[in-house]
Amino acid sequence: MRPLVVIFGATASGKTALSLALAQRFGGEILSCDSVAVYRGMELGTAKPTTAERARIPHHLLDLYEPDEACTAGDWARQTRATLHELAERNKLPIINGGTGLYLRALLDGLFAGTARDEHLRQLLRDRAERRGVASLHRTLARLDARAAARIHANDLPKVIRAIEVSLAARAPMTEQWEAGRNGLTGYRVLRLGLDPDRTQLAARIDARARQMFLAGLVEETRGLIDRFGPECRALGALGYAQAAAVLRGELSEPEAILAAQGGHRRYAKRQRTWFRQETALHNTFLLKGMGDAADIQREAKLLLQQHLDKPQREVG
């Protein structure tokens, strides 16, 4: 079986730095697992790898869609499997840099085809969200599928709508259908490396990153996206962009938007940590107690990966 590395952790925990270090040491290529970085033109608010970093190590699964296009966990997982096949043909080590837990689960545990999109129902749900707020739809989802509601943020309108749509169409909770219809990834030995830094340090990094996004021009980037795709563009509900759009509407000052974005990112990191805590019980999963750009953490990760790569050779010998 081929080796596959998954680096997971909260936003701003240094996943990109660690993935670059491992890719350079072991001849790997990086597959982004980020539900917003799949969109073109959304650079500042997604902390995508820089041009220099992409030139240093090949990256995949970035800039796949326009911001007004839909991308589901299943869409991402299917494209990722195709990319894994292509890397296998070139004998390259795939390193998944993962911040979106649902996408990782779709890839590793299996795809869920779901049901066809019902545009009429979707529009009814969007209209209801506009009249009564997204929270009202989230409460509906909680009645239909409590586990899905616990995993999907109340403000993530596209995912809330999709979960309701799937649950209603099959008259069964989406999570139950997911478990029944999974097709897990085979042919790979997966090494999971989780970053678990000090919470105070992580919060400081999150705040600094959110502040820098605005200083670098996030409001102007958002203005350009609104000009191209309209104010209702689905991807503009993402953290950072939602607050920048509020500045453009005159609802928040930029300092207020920065504070709101910082708080939103910290809450998102807390949810990520809760989600990824479930991964720690899995085989070949190791928690690294620090930031991914720390020298000692990178040394530990390289040692673990070397042992993972050597294991089949020892077994064969």
Protein backbone atom coordinates (compact mmCIF):
# COMPACT_ATOMS: atom_id res chain seq x y z
CA MET A 1 0.00 0.00 0.00
CA ARG A 2 1.11 3.54 -0.71
CA PRO A 3 1.86 6.02 2.08
CA LEU A 4 -0.37 9.04 2.59
CA VAL A 5 0.25 11.82 5.10
CA VAL A 6 -2.53 13.93 6.60
CA ILE A 7 -1.64 17.05 8.59
CA PHE A 8 -4.59 18.38 10.55
CA GLY A 9 -5.13 21.09 13.11
CA ALA A 10 -6.80 24.39 13.86
CA THR A 11 -6.43 27.50 11.74
CA ALA A 12 -3.10 29.31 12.22
CA SER A 13 -1.47 26.28 13.88
CA GLY A 14 1.29 26.07 11.27
CA LYS A 15 -0.03 23.30 9.02
CA THR A 16 1.33 24.94 5.87
CA ALA A 17 4.85 25.30 7.29
CA LEU A 18 4.89 21.67 8.40
CA SER A 19 3.54 20.38 5.10
CA LEU A 20 6.21 22.33 3.21
CA ALA A 21 8.98 20.96 5.43
CA LEU A 22 7.81 17.36 4.98
CA ALA A 23 7.26 17.74 1.25
CA GLN A 24 10.76 19.14 0.75
CA ARG A 25 12.39 16.43 2.88
CA PHE A 26 10.52 13.46 1.41
CA GLY A 27 9.79 14.52 -2.17
CA GLY A 28 6.09 15.09 -1.57
CA GLU A 29 3.40 17.27 -3.08
CA ILE A 30 0.73 19.07 -1.07
CA LEU A 31 -3.02 18.68 -1.40
CA SER A 32 -5.01 21.51 0.17
CA CYS A 33 -8.02 20.53 2.26
CA ASP A 34 -9.76 23.86 2.77
CA SER A 35 -13.38 24.56 1.89
CA VAL A 36 -12.69 28.21 1.00
CA ALA A 37 -9.26 27.91 -0.64
CA VAL A 38 -10.94 25.95 -3.46
CA TYR A 39 -12.28 29.31 -4.73
CA ARG A 40 -10.39 31.51 -7.14
CA GLY A 41 -9.76 35.14 -6.25
CA MET A 42 -10.11 34.55 -2.51
CA GLU A 43 -6.49 34.99 -1.49
CA LEU A 44 -6.17 37.19 1.58
CA GLY A 45 -8.98 35.71 3.63
CA THR A 46 -7.91 32.10 3.08
CA ALA A 47 -4.18 32.33 3.92
CA LYS A 48 -3.37 30.33 0.79
CA PRO A 49 0.26 29.35 0.24
CA THR A 50 2.23 32.21 -1.28
CA THR A 51 3.46 32.25 -4.87
CA ALA A 52 6.95 31.46 -3.58
CA GLU A 53 5.68 28.50 -1.55
CA ARG A 54 3.77 27.13 -4.53
CA ALA A 55 6.89 27.49 -6.68
CA ARG A 56 8.92 25.62 -4.05
CA ILE A 57 6.52 22.67 -3.73
CA PRO A 58 3.68 21.71 -6.10
CA HIS A 59 0.24 22.33 -4.57
CA HIS A 60 -3.08 20.84 -5.63
CA LEU A 61 -6.79 21.50 -5.06
CA LEU A 62 -6.49 25.28 -4.85
CA ASP A 63 -8.50 27.67 -7.05
CA LEU A 64 -10.80 25.01 -8.45
CA TYR A 65 -14.05 27.02 -8.60
CA GLU A 66 -15.41 30.51 -9.03
CA PRO A 67 -16.77 31.89 -5.74
CA ASP A 68 -20.38 31.61 -6.91
CA GLU A 69 -20.05 27.90 -7.71
CA ALA A 70 -20.88 25.09 -5.31
CA CYS A 71 -18.25 22.75 -3.93
CA THR A 72 -19.33 19.96 -1.60
CA ALA A 73 -17.21 17.61 0.48
CA GLY A 74 -18.00 14.92 -2.08
CA ASP A 75 -16.85 17.15 -4.95
CA TRP A 76 -13.56 17.79 -3.18
CA ALA A 77 -13.04 14.14 -2.27
CA ARG A 78 -13.61 12.98 -5.85
CA GLN A 79 -11.07 15.47 -7.18
CA THR A 80 -8.65 14.50 -4.43
CA ARG A 81 -8.87 10.82 -5.33
CA ALA A 82 -8.09 11.68 -8.94
CA THR A 83 -5.10 13.72 -7.78
CA LEU A 84 -3.89 10.86 -5.57
CA HIS A 85 -4.00 8.56 -8.59
CA GLU A 86 -1.95 11.04 -10.62
CA LEU A 87 0.66 11.40 -7.85
CA ALA A 88 0.90 7.62 -7.53
CA GLU A 89 1.74 7.36 -11.21
CA ARG A 90 4.62 9.80 -10.62
CA ASN A 91 5.65 8.05 -7.38
CA LYS A 92 5.16 11.22 -5.31
CA LEU A 93 4.27 11.26 -1.63
CA PRO A 94 0.85 12.93 -1.13
CA ILE A 95 0.65 15.25 1.88
CA ILE A 96 -2.84 16.51 2.70
CA ASN A 97 -2.86 19.82 4.55
CA GLY A 98 -6.23 19.65 6.26
CA GLY A 99 -8.28 22.21 8.10
CA THR A 100 -11.75 21.16 6.95
CA GLY A 101 -12.69 18.05 8.90
CA LEU A 102 -15.75 17.18 6.86
CA TYR A 103 -13.67 17.09 3.67
CA LEU A 104 -11.10 14.79 5.27
CA ARG A 105 -13.84 12.47 6.45
CA ALA A 106 -15.36 12.38 2.96
CA LEU A 107 -12.01 11.35 1.51
CA LEU A 108 -10.78 8.85 4.09
CA ASP A 109 -14.02 7.32 5.37
CA GLY A 110 -15.87 7.39 2.10
CA LEU A 111 -17.95 9.37 -0.32
CA PHE A 112 -21.63 9.95 0.09
CA ALA A 113 -23.42 10.55 -3.18
CA GLY A 114 -26.45 12.12 -1.55
CA THR A 115 -29.42 13.14 -3.65
CA ALA A 116 -29.77 15.34 -6.68
CA ARG A 117 -30.03 19.06 -5.98
CA ASP A 118 -33.58 20.36 -5.67
CA GLU A 119 -33.32 23.98 -6.80
CA HIS A 120 -36.94 24.75 -5.92
CA LEU A 121 -36.46 23.56 -2.33
CA ARG A 122 -33.14 25.36 -2.10
CA GLN A 123 -34.73 28.63 -3.11
CA LEU A 124 -37.52 28.18 -0.57
CA LEU A 125 -34.91 27.60 2.12
CA ARG A 126 -32.86 30.61 1.01
CA ASP A 127 -35.98 32.76 1.09
CA ARG A 128 -36.78 31.54 4.58
CA ALA A 129 -33.23 32.31 5.72
CA GLU A 130 -33.58 35.83 4.35
CA ARG A 131 -36.88 36.37 6.16
CA ARG A 132 -36.15 34.62 9.44
CA GLY A 133 -32.38 34.22 9.58
CA VAL A 134 -30.04 31.30 9.00
CA ALA A 135 -30.45 30.27 12.65
CA SER A 136 -34.05 29.25 11.94
CA LEU A 137 -32.85 26.84 9.24
CA HIS A 138 -30.22 25.48 11.58
CA ARG A 139 -32.92 24.73 14.15
CA THR A 140 -34.84 22.85 11.45
CA LEU A 141 -31.72 20.85 10.65
CA ALA A 142 -31.29 20.05 14.35
CA ARG A 143 -34.77 18.48 14.34
CA LEU A 144 -34.04 16.50 11.17
CA ASP A 145 -30.45 15.50 11.95
CA ALA A 146 -28.99 16.53 15.31
CA ARG A 147 -25.55 15.16 14.52
CA ALA A 148 -25.31 17.11 11.27
CA ALA A 149 -26.45 20.27 13.06
CA ALA A 150 -23.71 19.79 15.66
CA ARG A 151 -21.08 19.56 12.92
CA ILE A 152 -22.29 22.41 10.66
CA HIS A 153 -21.95 26.00 11.85
CA ALA A 154 -25.25 27.84 12.18
CA ASN A 155 -24.07 30.55 9.76
CA ASP A 156 -22.92 28.16 7.02
CA LEU A 157 -26.03 28.54 4.88
CA PRO A 158 -24.96 26.35 1.90
CA LYS A 159 -24.12 23.37 4.11
CA VAL A 160 -27.23 23.81 6.25
CA ILE A 161 -29.41 23.88 3.13
CA ARG A 162 -27.70 20.81 1.65
CA ALA A 163 -28.12 18.82 4.86
CA ILE A 164 -31.81 19.70 5.05
CA GLU A 165 -32.27 18.89 1.36
CA VAL A 166 -30.65 15.45 1.68
CA SER A 167 -32.49 14.60 4.89
CA LEU A 168 -35.89 15.55 3.45
CA ALA A 169 -35.35 13.82 0.12
CA ALA A 170 -34.51 10.46 1.69
CA ARG A 171 -36.71 10.91 4.77
CA ALA A 172 -33.70 9.98 6.89
CA PRO A 173 -30.96 11.98 8.60
CA MET A 174 -28.07 12.84 6.30
CA THR A 175 -25.53 11.42 8.76
CA GLU A 176 -27.28 8.05 8.73
CA GLN A 177 -27.20 8.03 4.94
CA TRP A 178 -23.55 9.01 5.03
CA GLU A 179 -22.65 6.04 7.21
CA ALA A 180 -24.68 3.63 5.10
CA GLY A 181 -23.28 4.82 1.78
CA ARG A 182 -19.58 5.24 2.51
CA ASN A 183 -16.85 4.00 0.22
CA GLY A 184 -13.62 4.35 2.19
CA LEU A 185 -10.27 5.13 0.64
CA THR A 186 -8.27 1.94 0.04
CA GLY A 187 -4.74 1.21 -1.05
CA TYR A 188 -3.10 3.72 1.30
CA ARG A 189 -1.38 3.55 4.68
CA VAL A 190 -2.40 6.83 6.32
CA LEU A 191 -0.19 8.67 8.79
CA ARG A 192 -2.13 11.39 10.62
CA LEU A 193 -0.16 14.19 12.25
CA GLY A 194 -2.23 16.54 14.36
CA LEU A 195 -0.98 19.92 15.57
CA ASP A 196 -2.03 20.75 19.12
CA PRO A 197 -0.34 24.01 20.16
CA ASP A 198 -0.84 25.97 23.36
CA ARG A 199 -4.26 27.62 23.23
CA THR A 200 -3.04 31.06 24.33
CA GLN A 201 -0.32 31.08 21.68
CA LEU A 202 -2.78 29.88 19.05
CA ALA A 203 -5.28 32.62 19.94
CA ALA A 204 -2.54 35.24 19.60
CA ARG A 205 -1.62 33.91 16.17
CA ILE A 206 -5.23 33.83 15.07
CA ASP A 207 -5.71 37.46 16.12
CA ALA A 208 -2.52 38.54 14.35
CA ARG A 209 -3.47 36.69 11.17
CA ALA A 210 -6.98 38.18 11.06
CA ARG A 211 -5.59 41.67 11.63
CA GLN A 212 -3.01 41.20 8.88
CA MET A 213 -5.68 40.08 6.41
CA PHE A 214 -7.40 43.44 6.76
CA LEU A 215 -4.16 45.40 6.69
CA ALA A 216 -3.21 43.59 3.47
CA GLY A 217 -6.42 44.70 1.75
CA LEU A 218 -9.16 42.20 2.53
CA VAL A 219 -11.87 44.87 2.26
CA GLU A 220 -10.74 45.79 -1.26
CA GLU A 221 -10.47 42.13 -2.27
CA THR A 222 -14.02 41.64 -1.01
CA ARG A 223 -15.19 44.71 -2.93
CA GLY A 224 -13.80 43.20 -6.13
CA LEU A 225 -15.51 39.89 -5.50
CA ILE A 226 -18.84 41.62 -4.84
CA ASP A 227 -18.45 43.64 -8.03
CA ARG A 228 -17.89 40.44 -10.01
CA PHE A 229 -20.25 37.99 -8.34
CA GLY A 230 -22.77 40.09 -6.41
CA PRO A 231 -23.35 40.59 -2.69
CA GLU A 232 -25.18 37.25 -2.33
CA CYS A 233 -22.20 35.22 -3.54
CA ARG A 234 -22.13 32.04 -1.47
CA ALA A 235 -18.41 32.07 -0.67
CA LEU A 236 -18.54 35.59 0.77
CA GLY A 237 -20.14 34.21 3.91
CA ALA A 238 -16.73 32.85 4.92
CA LEU A 239 -14.96 34.26 7.96
CA GLY A 240 -13.16 37.48 7.20
CA TYR A 241 -15.08 38.09 4.00
CA ALA A 242 -18.38 38.38 5.85
CA GLN A 243 -16.89 41.03 8.15
CA ALA A 244 -15.22 42.85 5.25
CA ALA A 245 -18.56 42.93 3.42
CA ALA A 246 -20.13 44.46 6.55
CA VAL A 247 -17.55 47.26 6.34
CA LEU A 248 -18.54 47.91 2.73
CA ARG A 249 -22.20 48.06 3.72
CA GLY A 250 -21.37 50.56 6.46
CA GLU A 251 -22.47 48.20 9.22
CA LEU A 252 -19.03 47.93 10.84
CA SER A 253 -15.94 50.08 11.01
CA GLU A 254 -12.74 48.33 9.97
CA PRO A 255 -11.49 48.05 13.59
CA GLU A 256 -14.85 46.55 14.56
CA ALA A 257 -14.65 44.14 11.64
CA ILE A 258 -11.17 43.02 12.69
CA LEU A 259 -12.41 42.29 16.22
CA ALA A 260 -15.41 40.39 14.85
CA ALA A 261 -13.21 38.37 12.49
CA GLN A 262 -10.76 37.56 15.27
CA GLY A 263 -13.55 36.29 17.49
CA GLY A 264 -15.04 34.27 14.66
CA HIS A 265 -11.73 32.63 13.83
CA ARG A 266 -11.08 31.78 17.48
CA ARG A 267 -14.49 30.12 17.76
CA TYR A 268 -13.86 28.25 14.51
CA ALA A 269 -10.51 27.02 15.86
CA LYS A 270 -12.29 25.72 18.96
CA ARG A 271 -14.71 23.77 16.78
CA GLN A 272 -11.82 22.41 14.72
CA ARG A 273 -10.05 21.19 17.84
CA THR A 274 -13.22 19.46 18.98
CA TRP A 275 -13.67 17.84 15.57
CA PHE A 276 -10.06 16.69 15.26
CA ARG A 277 -9.98 15.37 18.82
CA GLN A 278 -12.05 12.49 17.46
CA GLU A 279 -9.14 11.61 15.15
CA THR A 280 -6.72 10.90 17.99
CA ALA A 281 -8.10 7.43 18.64
CA LEU A 282 -7.40 6.31 15.07
CA HIS A 283 -4.47 4.08 14.16
CA ASN A 284 -1.28 5.87 13.07
CA THR A 285 -2.41 9.20 14.54
CA PHE A 286 0.05 11.35 16.47
CA LEU A 287 -0.53 14.68 18.22
CA LEU A 288 2.35 17.14 18.03
CA LYS A 289 2.27 19.53 20.98
CA GLY A 290 3.27 22.75 19.25
CA MET A 291 3.13 24.90 16.13
CA GLY A 292 3.95 23.42 12.76
CA ASP A 293 6.69 25.95 12.05
CA ALA A 294 8.61 25.09 15.25
CA ALA A 295 11.92 23.30 14.62
CA ASP A 296 11.33 20.63 17.28
CA ILE A 297 7.85 19.85 15.93
CA GLN A 298 9.21 19.52 12.40
CA ARG A 299 11.98 17.19 13.60
CA GLU A 300 9.43 15.01 15.40
CA ALA A 301 7.18 14.91 12.35
CA LYS A 302 10.05 13.98 10.05
CA LEU A 303 11.05 11.15 12.37
CA LEU A 304 7.49 9.82 12.52
CA LEU A 305 7.15 9.99 8.74
CA GLN A 306 10.49 8.28 8.18
CA GLN A 307 9.41 5.46 10.48
CA HIS A 308 6.10 5.24 8.61
CA LEU A 309 7.89 5.00 5.27
CA ASP A 310 10.42 2.43 6.55
CA LYS A 311 7.85 0.12 8.13
CA PRO A 312 6.85 -1.81 4.97
CA GLN A 313 10.51 -2.36 4.08
CA ARG A 314 11.18 -3.90 7.49
CA GLU A 315 8.10 -6.08 7.21
CA VAL A 316 9.09 -7.30 3.73
CA GLY A 317 12.66 -7.93 4.84
